[in-house]
Amino acid sequence: MNITQATAERFIELCAEKGITINKLATLSGVTQSTVSDIVNMKSKNIGIVTIKKLCDGLDITISDFFDTKVFRTLEQEMY
């Protein structure tokens, strides 16, 4: 799994836990629906940390909470 996949899956997982849709997350976070859709559909390869922070704010979690999962702790280094 790469960082793009892990990020997409984490946002999908958190939305399910909070009982909200991806579109609702966009509204709550002030991020455009197209941007959020591109993230969860893995069309965005370089998601900015500011965008991730806004989405975390919309989910009412810290950025530390977002990344504090086994998936992120065990990601391999990516070479481009």
PDB file of N, CA and C in Angstrom:
ATOM      1  N   MET A   1       0.852  -1.179   0.000  1.00  0.00           N
ATOM      2  CA  MET A   1       0.000   0.000   0.000  1.00  0.00           C
ATOM      3  C   MET A   1       0.897   1.241   0.000  1.00  0.00           C
ATOM      4  N   ASN A   2       0.491   2.251  -0.757  1.00  0.00           N
ATOM      5  CA  ASN A   2       1.269   3.489  -0.768  1.00  0.00           C
ATOM      6  C   ASN A   2       0.540   4.584   0.015  1.00  0.00           C
ATOM      7  N   ILE A   3       1.160   5.733   0.132  1.00  0.00           N
ATOM      8  CA  ILE A   3       0.607   6.828   0.940  1.00  0.00           C
ATOM      9  C   ILE A   3      -0.719   7.336   0.375  1.00  0.00           C
ATOM     10  N   THR A   4      -0.847   7.350  -0.945  1.00  0.00           N
ATOM     11  CA  THR A   4      -2.095   7.806  -1.564  1.00  0.00           C
ATOM     12  C   THR A   4      -3.241   6.874  -1.196  1.00  0.00           C
ATOM     13  N   GLN A   5      -3.007   5.582  -1.292  1.00  0.00           N
ATOM     14  CA  GLN A   5      -4.030   4.596  -0.941  1.00  0.00           C
ATOM     15  C   GLN A   5      -4.367   4.666   0.550  1.00  0.00           C
ATOM     16  N   ALA A   6      -3.345   4.773   1.380  1.00  0.00           N
ATOM     17  CA  ALA A   6      -3.567   4.820   2.830  1.00  0.00           C
ATOM     18  C   ALA A   6      -4.379   6.047   3.216  1.00  0.00           C
ATOM     19  N   THR A   7      -4.077   7.179   2.601  1.00  0.00           N
ATOM     20  CA  THR A   7      -4.801   8.412   2.911  1.00  0.00           C
ATOM     21  C   THR A   7      -6.259   8.303   2.480  1.00  0.00           C
ATOM     22  N   ALA A   8      -6.484   7.806   1.281  1.00  0.00           N
ATOM     23  CA  ALA A   8      -7.856   7.636   0.786  1.00  0.00           C
ATOM     24  C   ALA A   8      -8.650   6.706   1.701  1.00  0.00           C
ATOM     25  N   GLU A   9      -8.069   5.567   2.028  1.00  0.00           N
ATOM     26  CA  GLU A   9      -8.761   4.600   2.883  1.00  0.00           C
ATOM     27  C   GLU A   9      -9.038   5.166   4.273  1.00  0.00           C
ATOM     28  N   ARG A  10      -8.103   5.953   4.793  1.00  0.00           N
ATOM     29  CA  ARG A  10      -8.296   6.529   6.132  1.00  0.00           C
ATOM     30  C   ARG A  10      -9.459   7.511   6.142  1.00  0.00           C
ATOM     31  N   PHE A  11      -9.566   8.366   5.105  1.00  0.00           N
ATOM     32  CA  PHE A  11     -10.693   9.298   5.066  1.00  0.00           C
ATOM     33  C   PHE A  11     -12.016   8.565   4.890  1.00  0.00           C
ATOM     34  N   ILE A  12     -12.037   7.534   4.075  1.00  0.00           N
ATOM     35  CA  ILE A  12     -13.259   6.740   3.903  1.00  0.00           C
ATOM     36  C   ILE A  12     -13.647   6.081   5.229  1.00  0.00           C
ATOM     37  N   GLU A  13     -12.671   5.515   5.913  1.00  0.00           N
ATOM     38  CA  GLU A  13     -12.897   4.863   7.212  1.00  0.00           C
ATOM     39  C   GLU A  13     -13.446   5.859   8.237  1.00  0.00           C
ATOM     40  N   LEU A  14     -12.841   7.037   8.316  1.00  0.00           N
ATOM     41  CA  LEU A  14     -13.270   8.038   9.293  1.00  0.00           C
ATOM     42  C   LEU A  14     -14.673   8.562   8.987  1.00  0.00           C
ATOM     43  N   CYS A  15     -14.982   8.750   7.713  1.00  0.00           N
ATOM     44  CA  CYS A  15     -16.333   9.181   7.353  1.00  0.00           C
ATOM     45  C   CYS A  15     -17.359   8.132   7.771  1.00  0.00           C
ATOM     46  N   ALA A  16     -17.039   6.870   7.549  1.00  0.00           N
ATOM     47  CA  ALA A  16     -17.943   5.791   7.953  1.00  0.00           C
ATOM     48  C   ALA A  16     -18.129   5.789   9.471  1.00  0.00           C
ATOM     49  N   GLU A  17     -17.039   5.957  10.216  1.00  0.00           N
ATOM     50  CA  GLU A  17     -17.123   6.000  11.679  1.00  0.00           C
ATOM     51  C   GLU A  17     -17.985   7.155  12.161  1.00  0.00           C
ATOM     52  N   LYS A  18     -17.876   8.297  11.490  1.00  0.00           N
ATOM     53  CA  LYS A  18     -18.629   9.501  11.889  1.00  0.00           C
ATOM     54  C   LYS A  18     -20.036   9.520  11.303  1.00  0.00           C
ATOM     55  N   GLY A  19     -20.325   8.578  10.395  1.00  0.00           N
ATOM     56  CA  GLY A  19     -21.648   8.515   9.779  1.00  0.00           C
ATOM     57  C   GLY A  19     -21.914   9.664   8.822  1.00  0.00           C
ATOM     58  N   ILE A  20     -20.858  10.102   8.116  1.00  0.00           N
ATOM     59  CA  ILE A  20     -21.027  11.187   7.155  1.00  0.00           C
ATOM     60  C   ILE A  20     -20.540  10.742   5.778  1.00  0.00           C
ATOM     61  N   THR A  21     -21.027  11.429   4.771  1.00  0.00           N
ATOM     62  CA  THR A  21     -20.592  11.144   3.413  1.00  0.00           C
ATOM     63  C   THR A  21     -19.334  11.950   3.091  1.00  0.00           C
ATOM     64  N   ILE A  22     -18.710  11.595   2.010  1.00  0.00           N
ATOM     65  CA  ILE A  22     -17.552  12.345   1.531  1.00  0.00           C
ATOM     66  C   ILE A  22     -17.968  13.784   1.215  1.00  0.00           C
ATOM     67  N   ASN A  23     -19.151  13.946   0.625  1.00  0.00           N
ATOM     68  CA  ASN A  23     -19.638  15.294   0.314  1.00  0.00           C
ATOM     69  C   ASN A  23     -19.866  16.111   1.576  1.00  0.00           C
ATOM     70  N   LYS A  24     -20.366  15.476   2.619  1.00  0.00           N
ATOM     71  CA  LYS A  24     -20.571  16.173   3.898  1.00  0.00           C
ATOM     72  C   LYS A  24     -19.223  16.578   4.479  1.00  0.00           C
ATOM     73  N   LEU A  25     -18.225  15.721   4.364  1.00  0.00           N
ATOM     74  CA  LEU A  25     -16.885  16.057   4.835  1.00  0.00           C
ATOM     75  C   LEU A  25     -16.370  17.299   4.121  1.00  0.00           C
ATOM     76  N   ALA A  26     -16.591  17.375   2.820  1.00  0.00           N
ATOM     77  CA  ALA A  26     -16.162  18.548   2.059  1.00  0.00           C
ATOM     78  C   ALA A  26     -16.818  19.807   2.621  1.00  0.00           C
ATOM     79  N   THR A  27     -18.101  19.736   2.874  1.00  0.00           N
ATOM     80  CA  THR A  27     -18.830  20.887   3.413  1.00  0.00           C
ATOM     81  C   THR A  27     -18.314  21.274   4.793  1.00  0.00           C
ATOM     82  N   LEU A  28     -18.127  20.293   5.661  1.00  0.00           N
ATOM     83  CA  LEU A  28     -17.666  20.563   7.030  1.00  0.00           C
ATOM     84  C   LEU A  28     -16.253  21.135   7.066  1.00  0.00           C
ATOM     85  N   SER A  29     -15.444  20.761   6.103  1.00  0.00           N
ATOM     86  CA  SER A  29     -14.031  21.152   6.136  1.00  0.00           C
ATOM     87  C   SER A  29     -13.710  22.369   5.285  1.00  0.00           C
ATOM     88  N   GLY A  30     -14.639  22.764   4.420  1.00  0.00           N
ATOM     89  CA  GLY A  30     -14.370  23.898   3.544  1.00  0.00           C
ATOM     90  C   GLY A  30     -13.444  23.556   2.395  1.00  0.00           C
ATOM     91  N   VAL A  31     -13.364  22.279   2.066  1.00  0.00           N
ATOM     92  CA  VAL A  31     -12.564  21.804   0.942  1.00  0.00           C
ATOM     93  C   VAL A  31     -13.555  21.454  -0.173  1.00  0.00           C
ATOM     94  N   THR A  32     -13.215  21.783  -1.407  1.00  0.00           N
ATOM     95  CA  THR A  32     -14.155  21.520  -2.500  1.00  0.00           C
ATOM     96  C   THR A  32     -14.464  20.030  -2.615  1.00  0.00           C
ATOM     97  N   GLN A  33     -15.683  19.749  -3.043  1.00  0.00           N
ATOM     98  CA  GLN A  33     -16.098  18.359  -3.208  1.00  0.00           C
ATOM     99  C   GLN A  33     -15.222  17.640  -4.227  1.00  0.00           C
ATOM    100  N   SER A  34     -14.805  18.347  -5.264  1.00  0.00           N
ATOM    101  CA  SER A  34     -13.961  17.705  -6.280  1.00  0.00           C
ATOM    102  C   SER A  34     -12.603  17.310  -5.694  1.00  0.00           C
ATOM    103  N   THR A  35     -12.068  18.140  -4.812  1.00  0.00           N
ATOM    104  CA  THR A  35     -10.788  17.817  -4.181  1.00  0.00           C
ATOM    105  C   THR A  35     -10.926  16.586  -3.290  1.00  0.00           C
ATOM    106  N   VAL A  36     -11.962  16.551  -2.480  1.00  0.00           N
ATOM    107  CA  VAL A  36     -12.172  15.403  -1.587  1.00  0.00           C
ATOM    108  C   VAL A  36     -12.425  14.147  -2.416  1.00  0.00           C
ATOM    109  N   SER A  37     -13.206  14.273  -3.459  1.00  0.00           N
ATOM    110  CA  SER A  37     -13.466  13.138  -4.341  1.00  0.00           C
ATOM    111  C   SER A  37     -12.176  12.634  -4.989  1.00  0.00           C
ATOM    112  N   ASP A  38     -11.336  13.561  -5.438  1.00  0.00           N
ATOM    113  CA  ASP A  38     -10.057  13.160  -6.031  1.00  0.00           C
ATOM    114  C   ASP A  38      -9.169  12.440  -5.022  1.00  0.00           C
ATOM    115  N   ILE A  39      -9.220  12.863  -3.757  1.00  0.00           N
ATOM    116  CA  ILE A  39      -8.420  12.208  -2.716  1.00  0.00           C
ATOM    117  C   ILE A  39      -8.903  10.783  -2.485  1.00  0.00           C
ATOM    118  N   VAL A  40     -10.196  10.611  -2.266  1.00  0.00           N
ATOM    119  CA  VAL A  40     -10.701   9.273  -1.936  1.00  0.00           C
ATOM    120  C   VAL A  40     -10.713   8.338  -3.144  1.00  0.00           C
ATOM    121  N   ASN A  41     -10.706   8.908  -4.351  1.00  0.00           N
ATOM    122  CA  ASN A  41     -10.636   8.082  -5.560  1.00  0.00           C
ATOM    123  C   ASN A  41      -9.201   7.932  -6.066  1.00  0.00           C
ATOM    124  N   MET A  42      -8.256   8.398  -5.255  1.00  0.00           N
ATOM    125  CA  MET A  42      -6.819   8.273  -5.501  1.00  0.00           C
ATOM    126  C   MET A  42      -6.380   8.916  -6.821  1.00  0.00           C
ATOM    127  N   LYS A  43      -7.052   9.990  -7.198  1.00  0.00           N
ATOM    128  CA  LYS A  43      -6.641  10.755  -8.371  1.00  0.00           C
ATOM    129  C   LYS A  43      -5.619  11.824  -7.998  1.00  0.00           C
ATOM    130  N   SER A  44      -5.603  12.221  -6.730  1.00  0.00           N
ATOM    131  CA  SER A  44      -4.616  13.185  -6.237  1.00  0.00           C
ATOM    132  C   SER A  44      -3.438  12.424  -5.677  1.00  0.00           C
ATOM    133  N   LYS A  45      -2.274  12.650  -6.215  1.00  0.00           N
ATOM    134  CA  LYS A  45      -1.086  11.928  -5.772  1.00  0.00           C
ATOM    135  C   LYS A  45      -0.308  12.707  -4.714  1.00  0.00           C
ATOM    136  N   ASN A  46      -0.416  14.026  -4.724  1.00  0.00           N
ATOM    137  CA  ASN A  46       0.307  14.858  -3.759  1.00  0.00           C
ATOM    138  C   ASN A  46      -0.682  15.727  -2.995  1.00  0.00           C
ATOM    139  N   ILE A  47      -1.239  15.164  -1.967  1.00  0.00           N
ATOM    140  CA  ILE A  47      -2.226  15.878  -1.166  1.00  0.00           C
ATOM    141  C   ILE A  47      -1.478  16.778  -0.188  1.00  0.00           C
ATOM    142  N   GLY A  48      -1.810  18.039  -0.199  1.00  0.00           N
ATOM    143  CA  GLY A  48      -1.139  18.982   0.685  1.00  0.00           C
ATOM    144  C   GLY A  48      -1.510  18.769   2.137  1.00  0.00           C
ATOM    145  N   ILE A  49      -0.573  19.037   3.003  1.00  0.00           N
ATOM    146  CA  ILE A  49      -0.811  18.872   4.438  1.00  0.00           C
ATOM    147  C   ILE A  49      -1.870  19.849   4.939  1.00  0.00           C
ATOM    148  N   VAL A  50      -1.968  21.017   4.309  1.00  0.00           N
ATOM    149  CA  VAL A  50      -3.006  21.986   4.690  1.00  0.00           C
ATOM    150  C   VAL A  50      -4.381  21.400   4.388  1.00  0.00           C
ATOM    151  N   THR A  51      -4.525  20.727   3.261  1.00  0.00           N
ATOM    152  CA  THR A  51      -5.797  20.084   2.916  1.00  0.00           C
ATOM    153  C   THR A  51      -6.124  18.968   3.899  1.00  0.00           C
ATOM    154  N   ILE A  52      -5.139  18.159   4.225  1.00  0.00           N
ATOM    155  CA  ILE A  52      -5.368  17.090   5.209  1.00  0.00           C
ATOM    156  C   ILE A  52      -5.791  17.685   6.547  1.00  0.00           C
ATOM    157  N   LYS A  53      -5.150  18.774   6.954  1.00  0.00           N
ATOM    158  CA  LYS A  53      -5.507  19.432   8.226  1.00  0.00           C
ATOM    159  C   LYS A  53      -6.940  19.942   8.191  1.00  0.00           C
ATOM    160  N   LYS A  54      -7.351  20.556   7.093  1.00  0.00           N
ATOM    161  CA  LYS A  54      -8.733  21.042   6.969  1.00  0.00           C
ATOM    162  C   LYS A  54      -9.721  19.887   7.061  1.00  0.00           C
ATOM    163  N   LEU A  55      -9.406  18.777   6.402  1.00  0.00           N
ATOM    164  CA  LEU A  55     -10.291  17.612   6.452  1.00  0.00           C
ATOM    165  C   LEU A  55     -10.351  17.030   7.863  1.00  0.00           C
ATOM    166  N   CYS A  56      -9.222  17.016   8.543  1.00  0.00           N
ATOM    167  CA  CYS A  56      -9.212  16.558   9.941  1.00  0.00           C
ATOM    168  C   CYS A  56     -10.063  17.473  10.810  1.00  0.00           C
ATOM    169  N   ASP A  57      -9.961  18.772  10.591  1.00  0.00           N
ATOM    170  CA  ASP A  57     -10.800  19.720  11.332  1.00  0.00           C
ATOM    171  C   ASP A  57     -12.278  19.430  11.082  1.00  0.00           C
ATOM    172  N   GLY A  58     -12.630  19.148   9.829  1.00  0.00           N
ATOM    173  CA  GLY A  58     -14.008  18.805   9.499  1.00  0.00           C
ATOM    174  C   GLY A  58     -14.479  17.531  10.182  1.00  0.00           C
ATOM    175  N   LEU A  59     -13.551  16.620  10.417  1.00  0.00           N
ATOM    176  CA  LEU A  59     -13.862  15.371  11.120  1.00  0.00           C
ATOM    177  C   LEU A  59     -13.765  15.509  12.630  1.00  0.00           C
ATOM    178  N   ASP A  60     -13.319  16.680  13.075  1.00  0.00           N
ATOM    179  CA  ASP A  60     -13.136  16.964  14.497  1.00  0.00           C
ATOM    180  C   ASP A  60     -12.114  16.019  15.137  1.00  0.00           C
ATOM    181  N   ILE A  61     -11.018  15.822  14.408  1.00  0.00           N
ATOM    182  CA  ILE A  61      -9.900  15.038  14.931  1.00  0.00           C
ATOM    183  C   ILE A  61      -8.611  15.827  14.706  1.00  0.00           C
ATOM    184  N   THR A  62      -7.569  15.431  15.413  1.00  0.00           N
ATOM    185  CA  THR A  62      -6.273  16.071  15.192  1.00  0.00           C
ATOM    186  C   THR A  62      -5.571  15.388  14.032  1.00  0.00           C
ATOM    187  N   ILE A  63      -4.612  16.087  13.490  1.00  0.00           N
ATOM    188  CA  ILE A  63      -3.824  15.491  12.412  1.00  0.00           C
ATOM    189  C   ILE A  63      -3.026  14.291  12.943  1.00  0.00           C
ATOM    190  N   SER A  64      -2.653  14.355  14.218  1.00  0.00           N
ATOM    191  CA  SER A  64      -1.973  13.209  14.847  1.00  0.00           C
ATOM    192  C   SER A  64      -2.883  11.996  14.886  1.00  0.00           C
ATOM    193  N   ASP A  65      -4.166  12.215  15.214  1.00  0.00           N
ATOM    194  CA  ASP A  65      -5.132  11.111  15.221  1.00  0.00           C
ATOM    195  C   ASP A  65      -5.268  10.497  13.832  1.00  0.00           C
ATOM    196  N   PHE A  66      -5.240  11.341  12.821  1.00  0.00           N
ATOM    197  CA  PHE A  66      -5.382  10.852  11.453  1.00  0.00           C
ATOM    198  C   PHE A  66      -4.269   9.871  11.103  1.00  0.00           C
ATOM    199  N   PHE A  67      -3.036  10.248  11.414  1.00  0.00           N
ATOM    200  CA  PHE A  67      -1.892   9.438  11.014  1.00  0.00           C
ATOM    201  C   PHE A  67      -1.523   8.343  12.020  1.00  0.00           C
ATOM    202  N   ASP A  68      -2.151   8.319  13.178  1.00  0.00           N
ATOM    203  CA  ASP A  68      -1.795   7.356  14.213  1.00  0.00           C
ATOM    204  C   ASP A  68      -2.508   6.020  14.000  1.00  0.00           C
ATOM    205  N   THR A  69      -2.113   5.345  12.922  1.00  0.00           N
ATOM    206  CA  THR A  69      -2.662   4.026  12.613  1.00  0.00           C
ATOM    207  C   THR A  69      -1.520   3.102  12.198  1.00  0.00           C
ATOM    208  N   LYS A  70      -1.773   1.829  12.283  1.00  0.00           N
ATOM    209  CA  LYS A  70      -0.756   0.846  11.899  1.00  0.00           C
ATOM    210  C   LYS A  70      -0.349   1.027  10.436  1.00  0.00           C
ATOM    211  N   VAL A  71      -1.307   1.311   9.590  1.00  0.00           N
ATOM    212  CA  VAL A  71      -1.010   1.467   8.161  1.00  0.00           C
ATOM    213  C   VAL A  71       0.038   2.544   7.936  1.00  0.00           C
ATOM    214  N   PHE A  72      -0.128   3.701   8.566  1.00  0.00           N
ATOM    215  CA  PHE A  72       0.832   4.784   8.375  1.00  0.00           C
ATOM    216  C   PHE A  72       2.171   4.485   9.062  1.00  0.00           C
ATOM    217  N   ARG A  73       2.132   3.784  10.179  1.00  0.00           N
ATOM    218  CA  ARG A  73       3.382   3.460  10.874  1.00  0.00           C
ATOM    219  C   ARG A  73       4.234   2.459  10.097  1.00  0.00           C
ATOM    220  N   THR A  74       3.601   1.672   9.233  1.00  0.00           N
ATOM    221  CA  THR A  74       4.344   0.610   8.554  1.00  0.00           C
ATOM    222  C   THR A  74       4.517   0.850   7.054  1.00  0.00           C
ATOM    223  N   LEU A  75       4.211   2.026   6.578  1.00  0.00           N
ATOM    224  CA  LEU A  75       4.394   2.322   5.162  1.00  0.00           C
ATOM    225  C   LEU A  75       5.867   2.242   4.774  1.00  0.00           C
ATOM    226  N   GLU A  76       6.109   1.664   3.638  1.00  0.00           N
ATOM    227  CA  GLU A  76       7.468   1.596   3.090  1.00  0.00           C
ATOM    228  C   GLU A  76       7.821   2.952   2.506  1.00  0.00           C
ATOM    229  N   GLN A  77       9.104   3.263   2.446  1.00  0.00           N
ATOM    230  CA  GLN A  77       9.547   4.485   1.796  1.00  0.00           C
ATOM    231  C   GLN A  77       9.231   4.386   0.302  1.00  0.00           C
ATOM    232  N   GLU A  78       8.682   5.468  -0.237  1.00  0.00           N
ATOM    233  CA  GLU A  78       8.343   5.480  -1.655  1.00  0.00           C
ATOM    234  C   GLU A  78       9.438   6.184  -2.436  1.00  0.00           C
ATOM    235  N   MET A  79       9.804   5.594  -3.538  1.00  0.00           N
ATOM    236  CA  MET A  79      10.819   6.176  -4.416  1.00  0.00           C
ATOM    237  C   MET A  79      10.131   6.602  -5.710  1.00  0.00           C
ATOM    238  N   TYR A  80      10.327   7.838  -6.087  1.00  0.00           N
ATOM    239  CA  TYR A  80       9.683   8.341  -7.317  1.00  0.00           C
ATOM    240  C   TYR A  80      10.694   8.603  -8.371  1.00  0.00           C
TER     241      TYR A  80
END
